Structures are given as structure tokens and as C-alpha cells.
Amino acid sequence: MAAIHSLFLISDPSPPVHLLSSDSFITLLPPGQHRIAVDTGLEEGHCGLIPISGTVNSMTTTGLTWNLDHHKLSFEHFIDTNNIIASGTKEVTVDTSGCVLWTISHRLSSYPISSSL
């Protein structure tokens, strides 16, 4: 939670800041329109949009199995934590009126990583 809090505190970083774990990728999407490439071959497909800073009055998406069309998101109303990238999708679009976390599962842990010290 501290890492997510840090993302929120630096919501307008340049370059963008992302969180990467062994099985997921998280980034903060500020209000506005966003295009997210989802055709790298590492995505597992499960994704979510979480209204971390309170109510998002309007959320519209394309490229998901269950797209949102001007949906209201809030912890009291609705959060989108169990969506899936639609088959054949190369790009997800998100148009949001408020800050949301974008999270997607990945296969990075299945790729061998070697390092020389």
C-alpha cells in the first residue's frame, strides 16, 4: 500500500512511474484519455481499473471483455478489478474523469532473467 500511496503522491511524474511485481504491473492514470499497448506477449490478460482517489464520475474503455461506457467508479459503488483484455486486442483505451490505478497481470516471472555481478 505504501508503494501505491507513493504513485498517488507523484501523480504527474515525468517520466511515468510504474510498479512491477513478479506477476503484475500497476500504474496511475490521471484524468484524461490514455492508450495502453497490450500486445507485448507478456500480458496474461487479467486487468483492473481502481478509483484510488475517490469517486470517478465517468469511465469509458475499449479493448476489454467488459468495456465501461461512462460508468461511475467508487469503492461505494463499483470497481473494475476482474476484467480481461479482449481477444485480439492490441490497445486498451481509457477515458477517465479521475485518477485510477491500471493493473494487469503478466508472465514476466516465467522468463529467465540472468545477471552477471
N, C-alpha and C. Protein backbone atom coordinates (compact mmCIF):
# COMPACT_ATOMS: atom_id res chain seq x y z
N MET A 1 0.82 -1.19 0.00
CA MET A 1 0.00 0.00 0.00
C MET A 1 0.86 1.26 0.00
N ALA A 2 2.03 1.20 0.63
CA ALA A 2 2.92 2.36 0.64
C ALA A 2 3.37 2.71 -0.78
N ALA A 3 3.64 1.70 -1.60
CA ALA A 3 4.06 1.95 -2.98
C ALA A 3 2.93 2.60 -3.78
N ILE A 4 1.71 2.14 -3.57
CA ILE A 4 0.56 2.73 -4.26
C ILE A 4 0.35 4.17 -3.77
N HIS A 5 0.53 4.40 -2.50
CA HIS A 5 0.44 5.75 -1.95
C HIS A 5 1.47 6.66 -2.63
N SER A 6 2.68 6.15 -2.83
CA SER A 6 3.73 6.92 -3.50
C SER A 6 3.34 7.25 -4.93
N LEU A 7 2.73 6.31 -5.64
CA LEU A 7 2.25 6.58 -7.00
C LEU A 7 1.28 7.75 -6.99
N PHE A 8 0.38 7.75 -6.02
CA PHE A 8 -0.63 8.80 -5.94
C PHE A 8 0.01 10.16 -5.63
N LEU A 9 1.03 10.16 -4.77
CA LEU A 9 1.69 11.42 -4.40
C LEU A 9 2.44 12.04 -5.56
N ILE A 10 2.94 11.22 -6.47
CA ILE A 10 3.67 11.73 -7.64
C ILE A 10 2.84 11.48 -8.90
N SER A 11 1.58 11.89 -8.86
CA SER A 11 0.64 11.57 -9.94
C SER A 11 0.95 12.24 -11.27
N ASP A 12 1.89 13.17 -11.29
CA ASP A 12 2.25 13.82 -12.55
C ASP A 12 3.76 13.72 -12.79
N PRO A 13 4.29 12.47 -12.74
CA PRO A 13 5.74 12.33 -12.91
C PRO A 13 6.14 12.37 -14.37
N SER A 14 7.37 12.75 -14.60
CA SER A 14 7.93 12.69 -15.94
C SER A 14 9.36 12.18 -15.79
N PRO A 15 9.67 11.00 -16.24
CA PRO A 15 8.81 10.03 -16.92
C PRO A 15 7.84 9.36 -15.95
N PRO A 16 6.81 8.66 -16.49
CA PRO A 16 5.84 7.98 -15.63
C PRO A 16 6.51 6.95 -14.72
N VAL A 17 5.90 6.74 -13.56
CA VAL A 17 6.40 5.75 -12.60
C VAL A 17 5.44 4.57 -12.61
N HIS A 18 5.99 3.36 -12.62
CA HIS A 18 5.19 2.14 -12.63
C HIS A 18 5.66 1.22 -11.52
N LEU A 19 4.76 0.36 -11.06
CA LEU A 19 5.10 -0.67 -10.09
C LEU A 19 5.08 -2.01 -10.81
N LEU A 20 6.13 -2.79 -10.62
CA LEU A 20 6.24 -4.08 -11.27
C LEU A 20 6.54 -5.13 -10.21
N SER A 21 5.70 -6.16 -10.14
CA SER A 21 5.95 -7.27 -9.21
C SER A 21 6.18 -8.53 -10.05
N SER A 22 6.29 -9.64 -9.39
CA SER A 22 6.55 -10.89 -10.12
C SER A 22 5.40 -11.30 -11.02
N ASP A 23 4.20 -10.77 -10.78
CA ASP A 23 3.07 -11.18 -11.60
C ASP A 23 2.12 -10.05 -12.03
N SER A 24 2.45 -8.80 -11.70
CA SER A 24 1.55 -7.72 -12.11
C SER A 24 2.30 -6.41 -12.35
N PHE A 25 1.63 -5.56 -13.10
CA PHE A 25 2.12 -4.23 -13.45
C PHE A 25 1.03 -3.25 -13.03
N ILE A 26 1.41 -2.16 -12.35
CA ILE A 26 0.45 -1.16 -11.88
C ILE A 26 0.98 0.23 -12.23
N THR A 27 0.09 1.08 -12.70
CA THR A 27 0.44 2.47 -12.92
C THR A 27 -0.77 3.34 -12.62
N LEU A 28 -0.52 4.59 -12.29
CA LEU A 28 -1.59 5.54 -12.02
C LEU A 28 -1.95 6.27 -13.30
N LEU A 29 -3.21 6.28 -13.64
CA LEU A 29 -3.70 7.03 -14.80
C LEU A 29 -4.41 8.27 -14.29
N PRO A 30 -3.87 9.47 -14.55
CA PRO A 30 -4.55 10.70 -14.14
C PRO A 30 -5.77 10.94 -15.03
N PRO A 31 -6.62 11.90 -14.67
CA PRO A 31 -7.78 12.19 -15.51
C PRO A 31 -7.35 12.47 -16.96
N GLY A 32 -8.14 11.96 -17.89
CA GLY A 32 -7.86 12.18 -19.31
C GLY A 32 -7.99 10.91 -20.11
N GLN A 33 -7.47 10.97 -21.33
CA GLN A 33 -7.53 9.83 -22.25
C GLN A 33 -6.18 9.14 -22.29
N HIS A 34 -6.21 7.80 -22.27
CA HIS A 34 -5.00 7.01 -22.24
C HIS A 34 -5.09 5.87 -23.24
N ARG A 35 -3.95 5.58 -23.88
CA ARG A 35 -3.84 4.43 -24.78
C ARG A 35 -2.77 3.52 -24.22
N ILE A 36 -3.11 2.26 -23.98
CA ILE A 36 -2.21 1.30 -23.34
C ILE A 36 -1.98 0.13 -24.29
N ALA A 37 -0.72 -0.05 -24.70
CA ALA A 37 -0.38 -1.18 -25.57
C ALA A 37 -0.45 -2.47 -24.76
N VAL A 38 -1.17 -3.45 -25.28
CA VAL A 38 -1.32 -4.73 -24.57
C VAL A 38 -0.99 -5.91 -25.49
N ASP A 39 -0.02 -5.69 -26.38
CA ASP A 39 0.34 -6.75 -27.33
C ASP A 39 1.82 -7.09 -27.27
N THR A 40 2.41 -7.02 -26.08
CA THR A 40 3.85 -7.30 -25.95
C THR A 40 4.15 -8.79 -25.86
N GLY A 41 3.12 -9.60 -25.61
CA GLY A 41 3.33 -11.03 -25.44
C GLY A 41 3.55 -11.42 -23.98
N LEU A 42 3.68 -10.44 -23.12
CA LEU A 42 3.88 -10.71 -21.69
C LEU A 42 2.59 -10.65 -20.89
N GLU A 43 1.55 -10.04 -21.44
CA GLU A 43 0.29 -9.89 -20.71
C GLU A 43 -0.40 -11.23 -20.55
N GLU A 44 -0.97 -11.44 -19.37
CA GLU A 44 -1.80 -12.62 -19.15
C GLU A 44 -3.27 -12.32 -19.39
N GLY A 45 -3.62 -11.04 -19.41
CA GLY A 45 -4.97 -10.67 -19.78
C GLY A 45 -5.85 -10.15 -18.67
N HIS A 46 -5.65 -10.58 -17.43
CA HIS A 46 -6.48 -10.07 -16.34
C HIS A 46 -6.04 -8.65 -15.99
N CYS A 47 -7.03 -7.77 -15.84
CA CYS A 47 -6.71 -6.37 -15.60
C CYS A 47 -7.78 -5.72 -14.73
N GLY A 48 -7.49 -4.50 -14.29
CA GLY A 48 -8.47 -3.80 -13.49
C GLY A 48 -8.22 -2.30 -13.49
N LEU A 49 -9.26 -1.56 -13.15
CA LEU A 49 -9.21 -0.11 -13.01
C LEU A 49 -9.80 0.22 -11.64
N ILE A 50 -8.99 0.80 -10.78
CA ILE A 50 -9.39 1.02 -9.39
C ILE A 50 -9.37 2.52 -9.09
N PRO A 51 -10.49 3.07 -8.65
CA PRO A 51 -10.59 4.51 -8.37
C PRO A 51 -9.93 4.85 -7.03
N ILE A 52 -8.64 4.99 -7.04
CA ILE A 52 -7.85 5.12 -5.82
C ILE A 52 -8.05 6.43 -5.08
N SER A 53 -8.45 7.49 -5.77
CA SER A 53 -8.53 8.80 -5.11
C SER A 53 -9.95 9.23 -4.82
N GLY A 54 -10.89 8.32 -4.87
CA GLY A 54 -12.29 8.67 -4.62
C GLY A 54 -13.15 8.35 -5.82
N THR A 55 -14.25 9.01 -5.93
CA THR A 55 -15.21 8.73 -6.99
C THR A 55 -14.71 9.22 -8.35
N VAL A 56 -14.84 8.35 -9.34
CA VAL A 56 -14.60 8.71 -10.74
C VAL A 56 -15.99 8.76 -11.37
N ASN A 57 -16.41 9.95 -11.78
CA ASN A 57 -17.78 10.12 -12.26
C ASN A 57 -18.02 9.52 -13.64
N SER A 58 -16.96 9.38 -14.45
CA SER A 58 -17.14 8.84 -15.79
C SER A 58 -15.90 8.06 -16.22
N MET A 59 -16.10 6.79 -16.57
CA MET A 59 -15.02 5.92 -17.05
C MET A 59 -15.51 5.20 -18.29
N THR A 60 -14.78 5.37 -19.39
CA THR A 60 -15.10 4.69 -20.64
C THR A 60 -13.86 3.95 -21.11
N THR A 61 -14.04 2.69 -21.54
CA THR A 61 -12.91 1.89 -22.00
C THR A 61 -13.24 1.20 -23.32
N THR A 62 -12.19 0.83 -24.05
CA THR A 62 -12.32 -0.06 -25.20
C THR A 62 -11.20 -1.08 -25.09
N GLY A 63 -11.41 -2.25 -25.69
CA GLY A 63 -10.39 -3.28 -25.70
C GLY A 63 -10.50 -4.29 -24.57
N LEU A 64 -11.52 -4.16 -23.74
CA LEU A 64 -11.72 -5.09 -22.63
C LEU A 64 -12.91 -6.00 -22.90
N THR A 65 -12.94 -7.14 -22.25
CA THR A 65 -14.08 -8.05 -22.39
C THR A 65 -15.36 -7.37 -21.91
N TRP A 66 -15.27 -6.65 -20.79
CA TRP A 66 -16.40 -5.91 -20.25
C TRP A 66 -16.05 -4.42 -20.24
N ASN A 67 -16.27 -3.78 -21.40
CA ASN A 67 -15.97 -2.35 -21.50
C ASN A 67 -16.91 -1.53 -20.64
N LEU A 68 -16.43 -0.40 -20.22
CA LEU A 68 -17.22 0.53 -19.43
C LEU A 68 -17.64 1.68 -20.34
N ASP A 69 -18.86 2.14 -20.19
CA ASP A 69 -19.37 3.23 -21.01
C ASP A 69 -19.93 4.31 -20.08
N HIS A 70 -19.08 5.27 -19.76
CA HIS A 70 -19.44 6.37 -18.86
C HIS A 70 -19.89 5.86 -17.49
N HIS A 71 -19.24 4.78 -17.02
CA HIS A 71 -19.56 4.22 -15.70
C HIS A 71 -19.00 5.09 -14.58
N LYS A 72 -19.70 5.09 -13.48
CA LYS A 72 -19.22 5.72 -12.25
C LYS A 72 -18.46 4.66 -11.46
N LEU A 73 -17.24 4.99 -11.03
CA LEU A 73 -16.44 4.08 -10.23
C LEU A 73 -16.18 4.69 -8.85
N SER A 74 -16.35 3.89 -7.81
CA SER A 74 -16.00 4.28 -6.45
C SER A 74 -16.05 3.02 -5.60
N PHE A 75 -15.41 3.07 -4.45
CA PHE A 75 -15.44 1.91 -3.57
C PHE A 75 -16.84 1.68 -3.01
N GLU A 76 -17.67 2.70 -2.98
CA GLU A 76 -19.04 2.55 -2.51
C GLU A 76 -19.98 2.07 -3.61
N HIS A 77 -19.57 2.22 -4.87
CA HIS A 77 -20.47 1.95 -5.99
C HIS A 77 -20.01 0.76 -6.84
N PHE A 78 -18.87 0.88 -7.49
CA PHE A 78 -18.40 -0.15 -8.42
C PHE A 78 -16.91 0.03 -8.64
N ILE A 79 -16.15 -1.06 -8.60
CA ILE A 79 -14.76 -1.05 -9.01
C ILE A 79 -14.56 -2.17 -10.02
N ASP A 80 -13.63 -1.99 -10.93
CA ASP A 80 -13.41 -2.92 -12.03
C ASP A 80 -12.10 -3.67 -11.79
N THR A 81 -12.14 -4.69 -10.94
CA THR A 81 -10.90 -5.40 -10.60
C THR A 81 -10.75 -6.73 -11.31
N ASN A 82 -11.75 -7.20 -12.01
CA ASN A 82 -11.70 -8.53 -12.62
C ASN A 82 -12.07 -8.51 -14.09
N ASN A 83 -11.44 -7.62 -14.84
CA ASN A 83 -11.72 -7.54 -16.26
C ASN A 83 -10.66 -8.35 -17.01
N ILE A 84 -10.82 -8.47 -18.31
CA ILE A 84 -9.91 -9.25 -19.16
C ILE A 84 -9.70 -8.49 -20.47
N ILE A 85 -8.46 -8.50 -20.95
CA ILE A 85 -8.18 -7.92 -22.25
C ILE A 85 -8.93 -8.75 -23.30
N ALA A 86 -9.69 -8.10 -24.16
CA ALA A 86 -10.46 -8.81 -25.18
C ALA A 86 -9.52 -9.50 -26.16
N SER A 87 -9.91 -10.65 -26.63
CA SER A 87 -9.11 -11.44 -27.56
C SER A 87 -8.76 -10.62 -28.80
N GLY A 88 -7.49 -10.64 -29.18
CA GLY A 88 -7.03 -9.94 -30.37
C GLY A 88 -6.75 -8.45 -30.16
N THR A 89 -6.97 -7.95 -28.96
CA THR A 89 -6.78 -6.53 -28.69
C THR A 89 -5.30 -6.19 -28.61
N LYS A 90 -4.91 -5.11 -29.29
CA LYS A 90 -3.53 -4.63 -29.23
C LYS A 90 -3.40 -3.38 -28.37
N GLU A 91 -4.53 -2.72 -28.13
CA GLU A 91 -4.50 -1.48 -27.37
C GLU A 91 -5.80 -1.33 -26.57
N VAL A 92 -5.65 -0.94 -25.32
CA VAL A 92 -6.79 -0.61 -24.48
C VAL A 92 -6.84 0.91 -24.37
N THR A 93 -8.03 1.47 -24.49
CA THR A 93 -8.17 2.91 -24.27
C THR A 93 -8.97 3.12 -22.99
N VAL A 94 -8.56 4.15 -22.27
CA VAL A 94 -9.22 4.51 -21.02
C VAL A 94 -9.45 6.02 -21.04
N ASP A 95 -10.68 6.42 -20.85
CA ASP A 95 -11.03 7.83 -20.73
C ASP A 95 -11.65 7.99 -19.34
N THR A 96 -10.95 8.69 -18.47
CA THR A 96 -11.37 8.77 -17.07
C THR A 96 -11.46 10.22 -16.59
N SER A 97 -12.45 10.48 -15.76
CA SER A 97 -12.61 11.81 -15.19
C SER A 97 -11.84 11.97 -13.88
N GLY A 98 -11.26 10.89 -13.37
CA GLY A 98 -10.49 10.95 -12.12
C GLY A 98 -9.32 9.99 -12.15
N CYS A 99 -8.49 10.04 -11.13
CA CYS A 99 -7.32 9.15 -11.04
C CYS A 99 -7.75 7.72 -10.79
N VAL A 100 -7.16 6.79 -11.55
CA VAL A 100 -7.41 5.36 -11.34
C VAL A 100 -6.09 4.60 -11.43
N LEU A 101 -6.03 3.49 -10.74
CA LEU A 101 -4.91 2.57 -10.91
C LEU A 101 -5.26 1.62 -12.04
N TRP A 102 -4.33 1.44 -12.96
CA TRP A 102 -4.44 0.41 -14.01
C TRP A 102 -3.55 -0.73 -13.57
N THR A 103 -4.10 -1.91 -13.50
CA THR A 103 -3.33 -3.08 -13.12
C THR A 103 -3.56 -4.19 -14.14
N ILE A 104 -2.49 -4.90 -14.47
CA ILE A 104 -2.60 -6.00 -15.42
C ILE A 104 -1.62 -7.10 -15.01
N SER A 105 -2.07 -8.34 -15.14
CA SER A 105 -1.18 -9.46 -14.83
C SER A 105 -0.26 -9.73 -16.00
N HIS A 106 0.93 -10.26 -15.71
CA HIS A 106 1.90 -10.53 -16.77
C HIS A 106 2.62 -11.85 -16.52
N ARG A 107 3.38 -12.28 -17.51
CA ARG A 107 4.14 -13.52 -17.46
C ARG A 107 5.63 -13.28 -17.26
N LEU A 108 6.01 -12.13 -16.80
CA LEU A 108 7.43 -11.81 -16.69
C LEU A 108 8.18 -12.82 -15.84
N SER A 109 7.54 -13.37 -14.81
CA SER A 109 8.22 -14.32 -13.92
C SER A 109 8.53 -15.64 -14.63
N SER A 110 7.91 -15.91 -15.77
CA SER A 110 8.19 -17.15 -16.49
C SER A 110 9.39 -17.03 -17.43
N TYR A 111 9.91 -15.82 -17.59
CA TYR A 111 11.08 -15.61 -18.43
C TYR A 111 12.32 -15.65 -17.57
N PRO A 112 13.32 -16.44 -17.98
CA PRO A 112 14.56 -16.49 -17.18
C PRO A 112 15.31 -15.17 -17.25
N ILE A 113 15.71 -14.70 -16.12
CA ILE A 113 16.49 -13.47 -16.05
C ILE A 113 17.83 -13.80 -15.45
N SER A 114 18.87 -13.48 -16.18
CA SER A 114 20.21 -13.75 -15.65
C SER A 114 20.93 -12.43 -15.49
N SER A 115 21.83 -12.42 -14.56
CA SER A 115 22.63 -11.22 -14.37
C SER A 115 24.05 -11.61 -14.00
N SER A 116 24.96 -10.79 -14.39
CA SER A 116 26.36 -11.01 -14.04
C SER A 116 26.73 -9.95 -13.02
N LEU A 117 27.33 -10.37 -11.97
CA LEU A 117 27.75 -9.41 -10.96
C LEU A 117 29.21 -9.12 -11.08
